[in-house]
Amino acid sequence: GTHVDYPIVQGEDDMEYVNKGVYGEFSLSGTVFLDSENTSDFSDCYNLLFGHHMANGAMFGDVVEFKNDDYFQEHKTGALFLLDDTYKITLFACVETQEFNNKIYNPIVQGKDNLDTLLKYIKDEAVQYRDISLNHDDKIIGLSTCAEAGTNERVVLFGRLDK
């Protein structure tokens, strides 16, 4: 029920696909990409995706809509299709933050204690939250986009990945 339906790439760094399409051509809208520090198979306990907020709802434009309670309540799941696996995404939180938030923009969460800390932070800071009984063994995905063009504000939608 959203416009979020794109291939995912991963660059050498997090700037590589900001203005590059999946085939390497220049593209102002860029491509949805996985944080360069994450493993490409989504086996990390916290996986972070980035996509531009397009005014027409393209790319991650719909992520901002999750700030609204009705939209958040109507859209509870998604899917992630990999070459060898498929994951159901159970959406549980939407957070407004700044682009330099080290708690959210640090996908290398090692160990169960650090994931518990991240999950508590998400719950405490969420503008929308749904209790889905998370625990430190879960795999989390974050979808990050700009709140508005030309600002440092970000909106991040969080979900649990289940094979």
N, C-alpha and C. Protein backbone atom coordinates (compact mmCIF):
# COMPACT_ATOMS: atom_id res chain seq x y z
N GLY A 1 0.79 -1.20 0.00
CA GLY A 1 0.00 0.00 0.00
C GLY A 1 0.84 1.27 0.00
N THR A 2 2.14 1.16 -0.25
CA THR A 2 3.01 2.33 -0.35
C THR A 2 3.70 2.32 -1.71
N HIS A 3 4.50 3.35 -1.97
CA HIS A 3 5.29 3.41 -3.19
C HIS A 3 6.71 2.87 -2.97
N VAL A 4 6.98 2.33 -1.80
CA VAL A 4 8.32 1.83 -1.48
C VAL A 4 8.46 0.43 -2.07
N ASP A 5 9.08 0.38 -3.25
CA ASP A 5 9.25 -0.88 -3.97
C ASP A 5 10.42 -0.73 -4.93
N TYR A 6 11.63 -0.88 -4.39
CA TYR A 6 12.84 -0.58 -5.16
C TYR A 6 13.91 -1.62 -4.91
N PRO A 7 14.81 -1.78 -5.88
CA PRO A 7 15.99 -2.61 -5.62
C PRO A 7 16.90 -1.89 -4.62
N ILE A 8 17.69 -2.66 -3.92
CA ILE A 8 18.60 -2.13 -2.92
C ILE A 8 20.03 -2.41 -3.39
N VAL A 9 20.88 -1.40 -3.28
CA VAL A 9 22.29 -1.54 -3.61
C VAL A 9 23.11 -1.22 -2.36
N GLN A 10 24.42 -1.45 -2.46
CA GLN A 10 25.32 -1.08 -1.37
C GLN A 10 26.61 -0.58 -1.99
N GLY A 11 27.06 0.58 -1.55
CA GLY A 11 28.28 1.17 -2.10
C GLY A 11 29.47 0.98 -1.21
N GLU A 12 30.61 1.43 -1.72
CA GLU A 12 31.85 1.41 -0.93
C GLU A 12 31.72 2.35 0.27
N ASP A 13 30.95 3.43 0.09
CA ASP A 13 30.64 4.34 1.19
C ASP A 13 29.19 4.79 1.02
N ASP A 14 28.70 5.59 1.95
CA ASP A 14 27.28 5.95 1.93
C ASP A 14 26.95 7.11 1.00
N MET A 15 27.92 7.61 0.27
CA MET A 15 27.66 8.67 -0.70
C MET A 15 27.57 8.13 -2.13
N GLU A 16 28.02 6.91 -2.35
CA GLU A 16 28.13 6.37 -3.70
C GLU A 16 26.81 6.38 -4.47
N TYR A 17 25.71 6.03 -3.82
CA TYR A 17 24.43 5.91 -4.53
C TYR A 17 23.44 7.04 -4.22
N VAL A 18 23.93 8.12 -3.62
CA VAL A 18 23.04 9.25 -3.33
C VAL A 18 22.50 9.84 -4.64
N ASN A 19 23.33 9.93 -5.67
CA ASN A 19 22.92 10.45 -6.97
C ASN A 19 23.33 9.52 -8.11
N LYS A 20 23.21 8.22 -7.86
CA LYS A 20 23.56 7.23 -8.87
C LYS A 20 22.47 6.16 -8.89
N GLY A 21 22.06 5.78 -10.10
CA GLY A 21 21.06 4.73 -10.26
C GLY A 21 21.66 3.35 -10.06
N VAL A 22 20.83 2.34 -10.09
CA VAL A 22 21.28 0.97 -9.84
C VAL A 22 22.29 0.49 -10.88
N TYR A 23 22.28 1.07 -12.08
CA TYR A 23 23.21 0.66 -13.13
C TYR A 23 24.42 1.59 -13.23
N GLY A 24 24.56 2.51 -12.26
CA GLY A 24 25.73 3.37 -12.21
C GLY A 24 25.58 4.70 -12.92
N GLU A 25 24.44 4.94 -13.55
CA GLU A 25 24.22 6.20 -14.25
C GLU A 25 23.84 7.30 -13.27
N PHE A 26 24.09 8.58 -13.67
CA PHE A 26 23.68 9.69 -12.83
C PHE A 26 22.16 9.68 -12.68
N SER A 27 21.70 9.89 -11.46
CA SER A 27 20.27 9.95 -11.18
C SER A 27 20.08 10.87 -9.99
N LEU A 28 19.37 11.96 -10.20
CA LEU A 28 19.13 12.92 -9.12
C LEU A 28 18.43 12.25 -7.94
N SER A 29 17.55 11.29 -8.22
CA SER A 29 16.83 10.60 -7.14
C SER A 29 17.63 9.47 -6.50
N GLY A 30 18.80 9.16 -7.05
CA GLY A 30 19.64 8.13 -6.45
C GLY A 30 18.97 6.77 -6.44
N THR A 31 19.39 5.95 -5.52
CA THR A 31 18.91 4.58 -5.37
C THR A 31 18.78 4.27 -3.88
N VAL A 32 17.85 3.41 -3.52
CA VAL A 32 17.77 2.94 -2.14
C VAL A 32 19.02 2.11 -1.87
N PHE A 33 19.71 2.44 -0.77
CA PHE A 33 20.95 1.71 -0.50
C PHE A 33 21.09 1.32 0.96
N LEU A 34 21.78 0.21 1.16
CA LEU A 34 22.10 -0.32 2.48
C LEU A 34 23.36 0.37 2.99
N ASP A 35 23.38 0.73 4.26
CA ASP A 35 24.55 1.36 4.85
C ASP A 35 25.79 0.55 4.51
N SER A 36 26.86 1.25 4.17
CA SER A 36 28.08 0.58 3.72
C SER A 36 28.72 -0.28 4.82
N GLU A 37 28.39 -0.04 6.08
CA GLU A 37 28.96 -0.84 7.16
C GLU A 37 28.15 -2.10 7.47
N ASN A 38 26.96 -2.22 6.91
CA ASN A 38 26.16 -3.43 7.11
C ASN A 38 26.66 -4.56 6.21
N THR A 39 26.40 -5.80 6.63
CA THR A 39 26.69 -6.93 5.75
C THR A 39 25.59 -7.01 4.70
N SER A 40 25.95 -7.37 3.49
CA SER A 40 25.01 -7.32 2.36
C SER A 40 23.89 -8.34 2.43
N ASP A 41 24.01 -9.34 3.30
CA ASP A 41 22.98 -10.38 3.39
C ASP A 41 21.94 -10.10 4.48
N PHE A 42 21.98 -8.92 5.08
CA PHE A 42 21.04 -8.51 6.12
C PHE A 42 21.12 -9.40 7.36
N SER A 43 22.29 -9.94 7.63
CA SER A 43 22.46 -10.80 8.80
C SER A 43 22.79 -10.02 10.07
N ASP A 44 23.05 -8.71 9.93
CA ASP A 44 23.31 -7.89 11.12
C ASP A 44 22.04 -7.77 11.96
N CYS A 45 22.21 -7.49 13.24
CA CYS A 45 21.02 -7.32 14.08
C CYS A 45 20.32 -5.99 13.81
N TYR A 46 21.01 -5.03 13.18
CA TYR A 46 20.41 -3.75 12.80
C TYR A 46 20.90 -3.38 11.40
N ASN A 47 19.98 -3.32 10.47
CA ASN A 47 20.28 -3.03 9.07
C ASN A 47 19.62 -1.70 8.71
N LEU A 48 20.38 -0.80 8.09
CA LEU A 48 19.91 0.56 7.85
C LEU A 48 19.89 0.87 6.35
N LEU A 49 18.72 1.25 5.84
CA LEU A 49 18.54 1.63 4.44
C LEU A 49 18.32 3.13 4.34
N PHE A 50 18.77 3.70 3.23
CA PHE A 50 18.58 5.12 2.95
C PHE A 50 17.89 5.27 1.60
N GLY A 51 17.01 6.25 1.51
CA GLY A 51 16.37 6.59 0.24
C GLY A 51 15.91 8.03 0.27
N HIS A 52 15.93 8.67 -0.90
CA HIS A 52 15.50 10.07 -0.97
C HIS A 52 14.00 10.20 -0.72
N HIS A 53 13.62 11.33 -0.16
CA HIS A 53 12.22 11.69 0.05
C HIS A 53 11.78 12.48 -1.17
N MET A 54 11.06 11.83 -2.06
CA MET A 54 10.58 12.49 -3.27
C MET A 54 9.17 13.02 -3.01
N ALA A 55 8.92 14.24 -3.48
CA ALA A 55 7.64 14.90 -3.22
C ALA A 55 6.45 14.14 -3.77
N ASN A 56 6.66 13.37 -4.84
CA ASN A 56 5.56 12.62 -5.45
C ASN A 56 5.33 11.27 -4.76
N GLY A 57 6.01 11.02 -3.65
CA GLY A 57 5.84 9.76 -2.93
C GLY A 57 6.79 8.67 -3.39
N ALA A 58 7.58 8.94 -4.44
CA ALA A 58 8.53 7.94 -4.93
C ALA A 58 9.66 7.74 -3.93
N MET A 59 10.46 6.73 -4.19
CA MET A 59 11.58 6.35 -3.34
C MET A 59 11.07 6.16 -1.91
N PHE A 60 11.62 6.91 -0.94
CA PHE A 60 11.18 6.79 0.45
C PHE A 60 10.24 7.92 0.84
N GLY A 61 9.60 8.55 -0.13
CA GLY A 61 8.66 9.63 0.16
C GLY A 61 7.56 9.21 1.10
N ASP A 62 7.09 7.98 0.98
CA ASP A 62 6.02 7.50 1.86
C ASP A 62 6.47 7.22 3.29
N VAL A 63 7.78 7.11 3.52
CA VAL A 63 8.26 6.87 4.90
C VAL A 63 7.80 8.01 5.81
N VAL A 64 7.80 9.23 5.31
CA VAL A 64 7.38 10.39 6.10
C VAL A 64 5.91 10.28 6.50
N GLU A 65 5.10 9.62 5.67
CA GLU A 65 3.67 9.46 5.98
C GLU A 65 3.44 8.66 7.25
N PHE A 66 4.40 7.83 7.65
CA PHE A 66 4.25 7.01 8.84
C PHE A 66 4.24 7.83 10.13
N LYS A 67 4.56 9.12 10.06
CA LYS A 67 4.42 9.99 11.22
C LYS A 67 2.95 10.17 11.58
N ASN A 68 2.07 10.02 10.62
CA ASN A 68 0.63 10.19 10.83
C ASN A 68 0.03 8.91 11.39
N ASP A 69 -0.74 9.03 12.45
CA ASP A 69 -1.29 7.86 13.14
C ASP A 69 -2.13 6.97 12.22
N ASP A 70 -3.03 7.55 11.43
CA ASP A 70 -3.88 6.74 10.55
C ASP A 70 -3.04 5.93 9.57
N TYR A 71 -2.05 6.57 8.97
CA TYR A 71 -1.19 5.88 8.00
C TYR A 71 -0.40 4.77 8.68
N PHE A 72 0.15 5.08 9.86
CA PHE A 72 0.91 4.09 10.62
C PHE A 72 0.04 2.89 10.97
N GLN A 73 -1.19 3.13 11.39
CA GLN A 73 -2.09 2.03 11.77
C GLN A 73 -2.53 1.20 10.56
N GLU A 74 -2.63 1.82 9.40
CA GLU A 74 -3.08 1.11 8.19
C GLU A 74 -1.98 0.30 7.53
N HIS A 75 -0.73 0.61 7.79
CA HIS A 75 0.40 -0.05 7.12
C HIS A 75 1.27 -0.71 8.19
N LYS A 76 1.09 -2.01 8.36
CA LYS A 76 1.75 -2.72 9.46
C LYS A 76 2.88 -3.63 9.02
N THR A 77 2.92 -3.99 7.74
CA THR A 77 3.93 -4.94 7.28
C THR A 77 4.50 -4.54 5.92
N GLY A 78 5.60 -5.14 5.61
CA GLY A 78 6.25 -5.00 4.32
C GLY A 78 7.00 -6.28 4.03
N ALA A 79 7.79 -6.26 2.97
CA ALA A 79 8.57 -7.44 2.60
C ALA A 79 9.92 -7.01 2.05
N LEU A 80 10.91 -7.83 2.29
CA LEU A 80 12.25 -7.64 1.75
C LEU A 80 12.61 -8.91 1.01
N PHE A 81 12.87 -8.78 -0.28
CA PHE A 81 13.20 -9.93 -1.12
C PHE A 81 14.69 -9.91 -1.45
N LEU A 82 15.41 -10.92 -1.00
CA LEU A 82 16.82 -11.10 -1.32
C LEU A 82 16.94 -12.23 -2.34
N LEU A 83 18.13 -12.45 -2.85
CA LEU A 83 18.31 -13.51 -3.84
C LEU A 83 17.93 -14.88 -3.28
N ASP A 84 18.31 -15.15 -2.03
CA ASP A 84 18.09 -16.47 -1.44
C ASP A 84 17.09 -16.50 -0.29
N ASP A 85 16.59 -15.35 0.13
CA ASP A 85 15.70 -15.29 1.28
C ASP A 85 14.62 -14.24 1.06
N THR A 86 13.54 -14.42 1.77
CA THR A 86 12.48 -13.41 1.82
C THR A 86 12.19 -13.14 3.28
N TYR A 87 12.08 -11.86 3.61
CA TYR A 87 11.77 -11.46 4.97
C TYR A 87 10.45 -10.70 5.01
N LYS A 88 9.67 -11.01 6.02
CA LYS A 88 8.52 -10.18 6.35
C LYS A 88 9.05 -9.06 7.25
N ILE A 89 8.58 -7.85 7.01
CA ILE A 89 8.94 -6.72 7.85
C ILE A 89 7.70 -6.33 8.65
N THR A 90 7.78 -6.46 9.97
CA THR A 90 6.70 -6.02 10.84
C THR A 90 7.08 -4.65 11.37
N LEU A 91 6.37 -3.63 10.87
CA LEU A 91 6.69 -2.24 11.20
C LEU A 91 6.24 -1.92 12.62
N PHE A 92 7.14 -1.28 13.40
CA PHE A 92 6.79 -1.02 14.80
C PHE A 92 7.05 0.39 15.28
N ALA A 93 7.80 1.20 14.55
CA ALA A 93 8.08 2.54 15.07
C ALA A 93 8.44 3.51 13.96
N CYS A 94 8.14 4.76 14.21
CA CYS A 94 8.55 5.86 13.35
C CYS A 94 9.16 6.93 14.25
N VAL A 95 10.39 7.34 13.91
CA VAL A 95 11.13 8.29 14.73
C VAL A 95 11.52 9.49 13.87
N GLU A 96 11.35 10.69 14.42
CA GLU A 96 11.90 11.90 13.81
C GLU A 96 13.20 12.21 14.54
N THR A 97 14.26 12.51 13.79
CA THR A 97 15.56 12.73 14.40
C THR A 97 16.40 13.66 13.54
N GLN A 98 17.64 13.84 13.91
CA GLN A 98 18.62 14.62 13.15
C GLN A 98 19.56 13.67 12.44
N GLU A 99 20.16 14.13 11.34
CA GLU A 99 21.01 13.26 10.53
C GLU A 99 22.27 12.79 11.26
N PHE A 100 22.65 13.45 12.33
CA PHE A 100 23.87 13.06 13.04
C PHE A 100 23.59 12.31 14.33
N ASN A 101 22.42 11.69 14.44
CA ASN A 101 22.05 10.93 15.63
C ASN A 101 22.85 9.62 15.66
N ASN A 102 23.82 9.54 16.56
CA ASN A 102 24.70 8.37 16.62
C ASN A 102 24.00 7.10 17.08
N LYS A 103 22.90 7.23 17.77
CA LYS A 103 22.18 6.03 18.20
C LYS A 103 21.51 5.34 17.02
N ILE A 104 20.93 6.12 16.11
CA ILE A 104 20.22 5.55 14.96
C ILE A 104 21.15 5.33 13.78
N TYR A 105 22.06 6.26 13.54
CA TYR A 105 22.92 6.16 12.36
C TYR A 105 24.25 5.49 12.66
N ASN A 106 24.17 4.40 13.40
CA ASN A 106 25.32 3.56 13.69
C ASN A 106 24.85 2.12 13.57
N PRO A 107 24.82 1.59 12.34
CA PRO A 107 24.25 0.26 12.17
C PRO A 107 25.08 -0.88 12.74
N ILE A 108 26.27 -0.59 13.15
CA ILE A 108 27.09 -1.65 13.71
C ILE A 108 26.77 -1.79 15.20
N VAL A 109 25.66 -2.44 15.47
CA VAL A 109 25.23 -2.70 16.84
C VAL A 109 25.69 -4.11 17.17
N GLN A 110 26.72 -4.19 17.99
CA GLN A 110 27.28 -5.49 18.34
C GLN A 110 26.76 -5.92 19.70
N GLY A 111 26.24 -7.11 19.77
CA GLY A 111 25.83 -7.66 21.04
C GLY A 111 24.41 -7.32 21.43
N LYS A 112 23.86 -8.15 22.27
CA LYS A 112 22.46 -8.05 22.68
C LYS A 112 22.19 -6.81 23.53
N ASP A 113 23.15 -6.42 24.38
CA ASP A 113 22.95 -5.24 25.23
C ASP A 113 22.79 -3.99 24.39
N ASN A 114 23.61 -3.85 23.34
CA ASN A 114 23.53 -2.67 22.49
C ASN A 114 22.22 -2.63 21.71
N LEU A 115 21.72 -3.78 21.27
CA LEU A 115 20.44 -3.80 20.57
C LEU A 115 19.31 -3.44 21.53
N ASP A 116 19.38 -3.94 22.75
CA ASP A 116 18.37 -3.57 23.75
C ASP A 116 18.37 -2.06 23.97
N THR A 117 19.55 -1.45 24.02
CA THR A 117 19.66 0.00 24.20
C THR A 117 19.03 0.73 23.02
N LEU A 118 19.31 0.27 21.81
CA LEU A 118 18.72 0.88 20.61
C LEU A 118 17.20 0.74 20.63
N LEU A 119 16.69 -0.43 20.95
CA LEU A 119 15.24 -0.64 20.97
C LEU A 119 14.56 0.24 22.01
N LYS A 120 15.19 0.41 23.17
CA LYS A 120 14.63 1.29 24.20
C LYS A 120 14.63 2.74 23.69
N TYR A 121 15.70 3.15 23.06
CA TYR A 121 15.79 4.51 22.53
C TYR A 121 14.68 4.74 21.49
N ILE A 122 14.50 3.79 20.58
CA ILE A 122 13.46 3.92 19.56
C ILE A 122 12.09 4.07 20.21
N LYS A 123 11.80 3.21 21.19
CA LYS A 123 10.50 3.28 21.86
C LYS A 123 10.31 4.63 22.55
N ASP A 124 11.34 5.12 23.22
CA ASP A 124 11.24 6.39 23.95
C ASP A 124 11.09 7.59 23.02
N GLU A 125 11.68 7.53 21.83
CA GLU A 125 11.71 8.68 20.93
C GLU A 125 10.66 8.63 19.82
N ALA A 126 9.95 7.53 19.69
CA ALA A 126 9.03 7.34 18.56
C ALA A 126 7.86 8.31 18.57
N VAL A 127 7.54 8.81 17.37
CA VAL A 127 6.30 9.59 17.21
C VAL A 127 5.13 8.65 16.97
N GLN A 128 5.43 7.45 16.50
CA GLN A 128 4.45 6.36 16.38
C GLN A 128 5.14 5.09 16.86
N TYR A 129 4.43 4.27 17.61
CA TYR A 129 5.00 3.03 18.13
C TYR A 129 3.92 1.99 18.31
N ARG A 130 4.27 0.77 17.99
CA ARG A 130 3.37 -0.36 18.19
C ARG A 130 4.18 -1.47 18.86
N ASP A 131 3.66 -2.01 19.95
CA ASP A 131 4.36 -3.07 20.69
C ASP A 131 4.20 -4.39 19.95
N ILE A 132 5.33 -4.92 19.47
CA ILE A 132 5.29 -6.22 18.77
C ILE A 132 6.16 -7.24 19.49
N SER A 133 6.40 -7.01 20.78
CA SER A 133 7.18 -7.93 21.62
C SER A 133 8.57 -8.18 21.03
N LEU A 134 9.33 -7.14 20.95
CA LEU A 134 10.70 -7.23 20.45
C LEU A 134 11.61 -7.78 21.53
N ASN A 135 12.70 -8.43 21.10
CA ASN A 135 13.73 -8.85 22.04
C ASN A 135 15.10 -8.75 21.38
N HIS A 136 16.14 -8.96 22.15
CA HIS A 136 17.51 -8.75 21.66
C HIS A 136 17.96 -9.78 20.63
N ASP A 137 17.16 -10.80 20.34
CA ASP A 137 17.51 -11.76 19.30
C ASP A 137 16.92 -11.37 17.94
N ASP A 138 16.08 -10.34 17.90
CA ASP A 138 15.44 -9.93 16.65
C ASP A 138 16.42 -9.20 15.74
N LYS A 139 16.09 -9.20 14.45
CA LYS A 139 16.82 -8.40 13.46
C LYS A 139 15.94 -7.21 13.12
N ILE A 140 16.55 -6.03 13.15
CA ILE A 140 15.83 -4.78 12.94
C ILE A 140 16.27 -4.15 11.63
N ILE A 141 15.32 -3.52 10.95
CA ILE A 141 15.64 -2.75 9.75
C ILE A 141 15.13 -1.33 9.96
N GLY A 142 15.92 -0.36 9.53
CA GLY A 142 15.53 1.03 9.56
C GLY A 142 15.50 1.57 8.14
N LEU A 143 14.48 2.33 7.80
CA LEU A 143 14.36 3.00 6.50
C LEU A 143 14.42 4.49 6.76
N SER A 144 15.48 5.15 6.32
CA SER A 144 15.72 6.55 6.65
C SER A 144 15.56 7.44 5.43
N THR A 145 14.94 8.59 5.65
CA THR A 145 14.81 9.60 4.60
C THR A 145 14.78 10.99 5.21
N CYS A 146 14.96 12.00 4.38
CA CYS A 146 14.87 13.39 4.85
C CYS A 146 13.42 13.72 5.18
N ALA A 147 13.24 14.50 6.24
CA ALA A 147 11.88 14.95 6.58
C ALA A 147 11.39 15.94 5.54
N GLU A 148 12.28 16.83 5.09
CA GLU A 148 11.97 17.84 4.07
C GLU A 148 13.25 18.11 3.30
N ALA A 149 13.13 18.62 2.10
CA ALA A 149 14.30 18.95 1.30
C ALA A 149 15.11 20.04 1.99
N GLY A 150 16.42 19.89 1.98
CA GLY A 150 17.31 20.92 2.49
C GLY A 150 17.38 21.04 4.00
N THR A 151 16.98 20.03 4.73
CA THR A 151 17.05 20.09 6.19
C THR A 151 17.89 18.95 6.73
N ASN A 152 18.25 19.03 7.99
CA ASN A 152 18.98 17.95 8.66
C ASN A 152 18.05 16.98 9.36
N GLU A 153 16.73 17.27 9.32
CA GLU A 153 15.78 16.38 9.98
C GLU A 153 15.56 15.12 9.14
N ARG A 154 15.43 14.02 9.85
CA ARG A 154 15.21 12.73 9.21
C ARG A 154 14.00 12.05 9.83
N VAL A 155 13.40 11.19 9.04
CA VAL A 155 12.34 10.30 9.52
C VAL A 155 12.83 8.89 9.27
N VAL A 156 12.74 8.05 10.30
CA VAL A 156 13.20 6.67 10.19
C VAL A 156 12.06 5.75 10.61
N LEU A 157 11.75 4.81 9.72
CA LEU A 157 10.74 3.80 9.97
C LEU A 157 11.45 2.51 10.34
N PHE A 158 11.01 1.89 11.44
CA PHE A 158 11.67 0.68 11.93
C PHE A 158 10.76 -0.53 11.83
N GLY A 159 11.35 -1.66 11.51
CA GLY A 159 10.61 -2.91 11.44
C GLY A 159 11.47 -4.07 11.90
N ARG A 160 10.80 -5.17 12.24
CA ARG A 160 11.50 -6.41 12.59
C ARG A 160 11.52 -7.29 11.36
N LEU A 161 12.68 -7.90 11.07
CA LEU A 161 12.82 -8.82 9.95
C LEU A 161 12.59 -10.25 10.43
N ASP A 162 11.66 -10.95 9.77
CA ASP A 162 11.42 -12.36 10.06
C ASP A 162 11.45 -13.13 8.76
N LYS A 163 12.27 -14.20 8.71
CA LYS A 163 12.34 -15.02 7.48
C LYS A 163 11.02 -15.67 7.22
